[in-house]
Amino acid sequence: MTVINTLIPFLSAIISFIFAFVIFKRYYAKRRPHLLLWGLGMVFYGIGGFCEGYFGAFGWNPLIFRMWYLFGAILVAAWLGQGTVYLLAKRRIANILMLILGIASAYAAIRIFSAELDPSLLTTSVHTGSELSGHAIVTSGIRSLTPFFNIYGVVTLVGGAVYSAWIFYRKRVLLHRVIGNILIAVGALAPAFGGAFSRFGISGALYIGELIGATLIFIGFWRATTPMEEKSPQAAGEAVG
């Protein structure tokens, strides 16, 4: 048991669940579908972190592994991205994509919870060690699902955040939303970079990337939804003087 493989994932889970609670409170006040999906996405993020921490602390558990792979490895990015789709796209398009994502998610859940697992592959793989990875899945065709969900999530979440930041920057309005969306975009990419470094044999890179990602997305959301104080021209002149 190490700090990287236990405490860092558990910390990611705590931050994610707190963030989800904040978003759900906002959803109950405003009843916007993008907030509901972002909240669910962060719950999935937290489940993934919890499962990673559990594995680091207590070892193999097939239910924990299946939950981690479904929520942490497959669904989280796509559902966060779908929230951004509801925020930026026309409702009809968002509803169609939601239907597709819902069906695909149900299919992924059925495949994962019926898959054959071999935990010994976690230790024999040169890319793992004491970290969770999809190598334990023996049934073919399941791991190939992951890129489709993650690509959709990255394109919609990161693309939407960058697009929003650019729009506000170009109009020179709402600077707090420019900063917030940039932080969200960077945070959404952090786990992907962590996973890439992990494939090169850097232990704990994925978990660190996930922690950085959850933190930056949380800060970015707070910054984007919290207007910055703007000084009046008179106050600004007095400050310069």
Protein backbone atom coordinates (compact mmCIF):
# COMPACT_ATOMS: atom_id res chain seq x y z
CA MET A 1 0.00 0.00 0.00
CA THR A 2 1.44 3.37 -1.06
CA VAL A 3 0.36 6.98 -0.96
CA ILE A 4 0.12 7.14 -4.74
CA ASN A 5 -2.03 4.02 -5.09
CA THR A 6 -4.35 4.65 -2.14
CA LEU A 7 -4.46 8.15 -0.70
CA ILE A 8 -4.29 10.01 -4.03
CA PRO A 9 -7.24 8.09 -5.59
CA PHE A 10 -9.26 8.47 -2.37
CA LEU A 11 -8.51 12.21 -2.39
CA SER A 12 -9.67 12.40 -6.01
CA ALA A 13 -12.88 10.64 -4.97
CA ILE A 14 -13.51 13.07 -2.10
CA ILE A 15 -12.97 16.12 -4.31
CA SER A 16 -15.22 14.64 -7.00
CA PHE A 17 -18.07 13.83 -4.61
CA ILE A 18 -17.89 17.30 -3.03
CA PHE A 19 -17.91 18.85 -6.49
CA ALA A 20 -20.89 16.67 -7.49
CA PHE A 21 -22.77 17.85 -4.40
CA VAL A 22 -22.10 21.49 -5.35
CA ILE A 23 -23.34 20.90 -8.88
CA PHE A 24 -26.46 19.05 -7.76
CA LYS A 25 -27.33 21.94 -5.42
CA ARG A 26 -27.06 24.27 -8.39
CA TYR A 27 -29.16 21.89 -10.48
CA TYR A 28 -31.98 21.82 -7.91
CA ALA A 29 -31.99 25.62 -7.96
CA LYS A 30 -31.87 26.08 -11.75
CA ARG A 31 -33.12 22.74 -13.17
CA ARG A 32 -30.74 22.82 -16.15
CA PRO A 33 -29.99 19.42 -17.75
CA HIS A 34 -26.31 20.19 -18.27
CA LEU A 35 -25.88 20.57 -14.51
CA LEU A 36 -27.53 17.20 -13.86
CA LEU A 37 -25.19 15.48 -16.31
CA TRP A 38 -22.11 17.24 -14.96
CA GLY A 39 -23.14 16.16 -11.48
CA LEU A 40 -23.56 12.55 -12.58
CA GLY A 41 -20.24 12.72 -14.42
CA MET A 42 -18.45 13.82 -11.26
CA VAL A 43 -20.16 11.03 -9.29
CA PHE A 44 -18.72 8.62 -11.87
CA TYR A 45 -15.32 10.32 -11.43
CA GLY A 46 -15.58 9.81 -7.68
CA ILE A 47 -16.57 6.15 -8.04
CA GLY A 48 -13.53 5.58 -10.24
CA GLY A 49 -11.21 7.17 -7.70
CA PHE A 50 -12.76 5.25 -4.83
CA CYS A 51 -12.32 1.94 -6.66
CA GLU A 52 -8.68 2.72 -7.41
CA GLY A 53 -8.04 3.58 -3.77
CA TYR A 54 -9.86 0.45 -2.60
CA PHE A 55 -7.72 -1.73 -4.86
CA GLY A 56 -4.54 -0.05 -3.63
CA ALA A 57 -5.54 -0.59 0.00
CA PHE A 58 -7.28 -3.98 -0.03
CA GLY A 59 -6.40 -5.65 -3.32
CA TRP A 60 -8.50 -7.42 -5.90
CA ASN A 61 -12.28 -7.41 -5.81
CA PRO A 62 -14.22 -8.27 -8.98
CA LEU A 63 -17.16 -5.95 -8.21
CA ILE A 64 -14.81 -3.05 -7.48
CA PHE A 65 -12.96 -3.72 -10.72
CA ARG A 66 -16.16 -3.83 -12.79
CA MET A 67 -17.40 -0.60 -11.21
CA TRP A 68 -14.05 1.06 -11.83
CA TYR A 69 -13.94 0.07 -15.46
CA LEU A 70 -17.53 1.07 -16.19
CA PHE A 71 -17.67 4.39 -14.35
CA GLY A 72 -14.02 5.44 -14.19
CA ALA A 73 -12.58 4.15 -17.46
CA ILE A 74 -15.59 4.37 -19.79
CA LEU A 75 -18.46 6.62 -18.73
CA VAL A 76 -17.03 9.60 -16.87
CA ALA A 77 -15.64 11.67 -19.75
CA ALA A 78 -18.57 10.96 -22.05
CA TRP A 79 -21.20 11.98 -19.50
CA LEU A 80 -19.34 15.15 -18.54
CA GLY A 81 -19.04 15.93 -22.23
CA GLN A 82 -22.75 15.29 -22.74
CA GLY A 83 -23.44 17.95 -20.14
CA THR A 84 -21.49 20.41 -22.26
CA VAL A 85 -23.50 19.33 -25.30
CA TYR A 86 -26.71 20.30 -23.48
CA LEU A 87 -25.16 23.63 -22.58
CA LEU A 88 -24.00 24.58 -26.08
CA ALA A 89 -25.95 22.58 -28.67
CA LYS A 90 -29.58 22.74 -29.76
CA ARG A 91 -31.87 20.72 -27.52
CA ARG A 92 -32.95 18.36 -30.32
CA ILE A 93 -29.35 17.45 -31.15
CA ALA A 94 -28.49 17.07 -27.46
CA ASN A 95 -31.48 14.77 -26.92
CA ILE A 96 -30.51 12.54 -29.85
CA LEU A 97 -26.92 12.26 -28.63
CA MET A 98 -28.19 11.58 -25.10
CA LEU A 99 -30.31 8.70 -26.38
CA ILE A 100 -27.31 7.22 -28.19
CA LEU A 101 -25.07 7.68 -25.16
CA GLY A 102 -27.66 6.12 -22.86
CA ILE A 103 -28.03 3.03 -25.04
CA ALA A 104 -24.26 2.72 -25.46
CA SER A 105 -23.75 3.08 -21.69
CA ALA A 106 -26.29 0.36 -20.94
CA TYR A 107 -24.60 -1.93 -23.48
CA ALA A 108 -21.20 -1.25 -21.92
CA ALA A 109 -22.57 -2.02 -18.45
CA ILE A 110 -24.01 -5.36 -19.60
CA ARG A 111 -20.75 -6.33 -21.30
CA ILE A 112 -18.57 -5.36 -18.36
CA PHE A 113 -20.65 -7.05 -15.67
CA SER A 114 -20.81 -10.26 -17.70
CA ALA A 115 -17.14 -10.25 -18.75
CA GLU A 116 -14.63 -12.89 -17.78
CA LEU A 117 -11.84 -11.50 -15.59
CA ASP A 118 -8.32 -12.67 -14.80
CA PRO A 119 -6.74 -10.60 -11.99
CA SER A 120 -3.35 -12.24 -12.54
CA LEU A 121 -2.99 -10.17 -15.70
CA LEU A 122 -2.80 -7.03 -13.57
CA THR A 123 0.56 -8.13 -12.18
CA THR A 124 1.99 -9.77 -15.30
CA SER A 125 1.37 -6.74 -17.52
CA VAL A 126 4.43 -4.54 -17.93
CA HIS A 127 2.19 -1.49 -17.99
CA THR A 128 0.56 -2.01 -14.61
CA GLY A 129 1.86 -3.06 -11.22
CA SER A 130 -0.25 -2.19 -8.21
CA GLU A 131 -2.56 0.02 -10.28
CA LEU A 132 -5.86 -0.95 -11.84
CA SER A 133 -5.95 -1.43 -15.60
CA GLY A 134 -8.17 -2.99 -18.20
CA HIS A 135 -5.72 -5.85 -18.73
CA ALA A 136 -7.74 -7.98 -16.31
CA ILE A 137 -10.59 -8.22 -18.83
CA VAL A 138 -10.34 -11.48 -20.76
CA THR A 139 -13.53 -11.22 -22.83
CA SER A 140 -12.73 -9.72 -26.20
CA GLY A 141 -14.34 -6.58 -27.58
CA ILE A 142 -14.89 -4.80 -24.28
CA ARG A 143 -11.71 -2.77 -24.04
CA SER A 144 -12.24 -1.57 -27.59
CA LEU A 145 -15.35 0.28 -26.36
CA THR A 146 -13.30 2.62 -24.18
CA PRO A 147 -11.80 4.85 -26.90
CA PHE A 148 -15.21 5.65 -28.40
CA PHE A 149 -16.56 6.94 -25.09
CA ASN A 150 -13.37 8.80 -24.19
CA ILE A 151 -12.95 10.43 -27.59
CA TYR A 152 -16.54 11.63 -27.46
CA GLY A 153 -15.95 12.96 -23.96
CA VAL A 154 -12.74 14.78 -24.83
CA VAL A 155 -14.17 16.32 -28.01
CA THR A 156 -17.32 17.58 -26.30
CA LEU A 157 -15.94 18.55 -22.89
CA VAL A 158 -12.59 19.99 -23.91
CA GLY A 159 -13.85 21.29 -27.23
CA GLY A 160 -16.84 22.94 -25.58
CA ALA A 161 -14.70 24.55 -22.89
CA VAL A 162 -12.18 25.88 -25.41
CA TYR A 163 -14.97 27.16 -27.66
CA SER A 164 -16.68 28.93 -24.76
CA ALA A 165 -13.41 30.47 -23.59
CA TRP A 166 -12.70 31.74 -27.10
CA ILE A 167 -16.17 33.27 -27.48
CA PHE A 168 -15.95 35.18 -24.21
CA TYR A 169 -12.36 36.23 -24.92
CA ARG A 170 -13.21 37.47 -28.40
CA LYS A 171 -16.09 39.53 -27.06
CA ARG A 172 -13.88 40.81 -24.23
CA VAL A 173 -16.62 40.05 -21.70
CA LEU A 174 -16.94 37.83 -18.62
CA LEU A 175 -13.24 37.25 -18.07
CA HIS A 176 -14.02 34.85 -15.22
CA ARG A 177 -15.64 32.48 -17.71
CA VAL A 178 -12.62 32.61 -19.99
CA ILE A 179 -10.36 31.61 -17.10
CA GLY A 180 -12.81 29.01 -15.82
CA ASN A 181 -13.25 27.29 -19.16
CA ILE A 182 -9.51 27.17 -19.75
CA LEU A 183 -9.05 25.47 -16.37
CA ILE A 184 -11.84 23.00 -17.21
CA ALA A 185 -10.21 22.15 -20.54
CA VAL A 186 -6.80 21.59 -18.94
CA GLY A 187 -8.35 19.56 -16.13
CA ALA A 188 -10.23 17.36 -18.58
CA LEU A 189 -6.98 16.57 -20.40
CA ALA A 190 -4.96 15.85 -17.25
CA PRO A 191 -6.11 12.21 -16.82
CA ALA A 192 -5.34 11.51 -20.48
CA PHE A 193 -1.79 12.80 -20.04
CA GLY A 194 -1.48 10.83 -16.82
CA GLY A 195 -2.57 7.68 -18.63
CA ALA A 196 -0.05 8.33 -21.40
CA PHE A 197 2.81 8.68 -18.91
CA SER A 198 1.58 5.56 -17.11
CA ARG A 199 1.93 3.57 -20.33
CA PHE A 200 5.58 4.58 -20.40
CA GLY A 201 6.04 2.92 -17.01
CA ILE A 202 5.75 5.97 -14.74
CA SER A 203 4.05 4.57 -11.64
CA GLY A 204 1.13 6.58 -10.30
CA ALA A 205 1.01 8.99 -13.24
CA LEU A 206 -2.61 8.14 -14.01
CA TYR A 207 -3.77 8.65 -10.44
CA ILE A 208 -1.90 11.94 -10.14
CA GLY A 209 -3.38 13.08 -13.44
CA GLU A 210 -6.87 12.22 -12.19
CA LEU A 211 -6.33 14.20 -8.99
CA ILE A 212 -5.08 17.21 -10.92
CA GLY A 213 -7.99 16.86 -13.33
CA ALA A 214 -10.68 16.75 -10.64
CA THR A 215 -9.12 19.72 -8.85
CA LEU A 216 -8.77 21.90 -11.96
CA ILE A 217 -12.27 21.12 -13.20
CA PHE A 218 -13.68 22.02 -9.77
CA ILE A 219 -11.73 25.28 -9.65
CA GLY A 220 -12.64 26.02 -13.26
CA PHE A 221 -16.35 25.51 -12.59
CA TRP A 222 -16.17 27.75 -9.54
CA ARG A 223 -14.30 30.43 -11.46
CA ALA A 224 -16.67 30.28 -14.45
CA THR A 225 -19.75 30.62 -12.24
CA THR A 226 -18.39 33.29 -9.90
CA PRO A 227 -18.28 36.78 -11.45
CA MET A 228 -15.17 38.80 -10.82
CA GLU A 229 -15.46 42.23 -9.27
CA GLU A 230 -15.15 44.94 -11.86
CA LYS A 231 -13.90 48.33 -10.78
CA SER A 232 -15.68 51.39 -12.04
CA PRO A 233 -13.63 53.73 -14.28
CA GLN A 234 -13.42 56.23 -11.40
CA ALA A 235 -12.17 53.60 -8.96
CA ALA A 236 -9.70 52.29 -11.52
CA GLY A 237 -8.37 55.81 -12.08
CA GLU A 238 -7.95 56.35 -8.37
CA ALA A 239 -6.12 53.03 -8.09
CA VAL A 240 -3.72 54.02 -10.86
CA GLY A 241 -3.20 57.41 -9.30
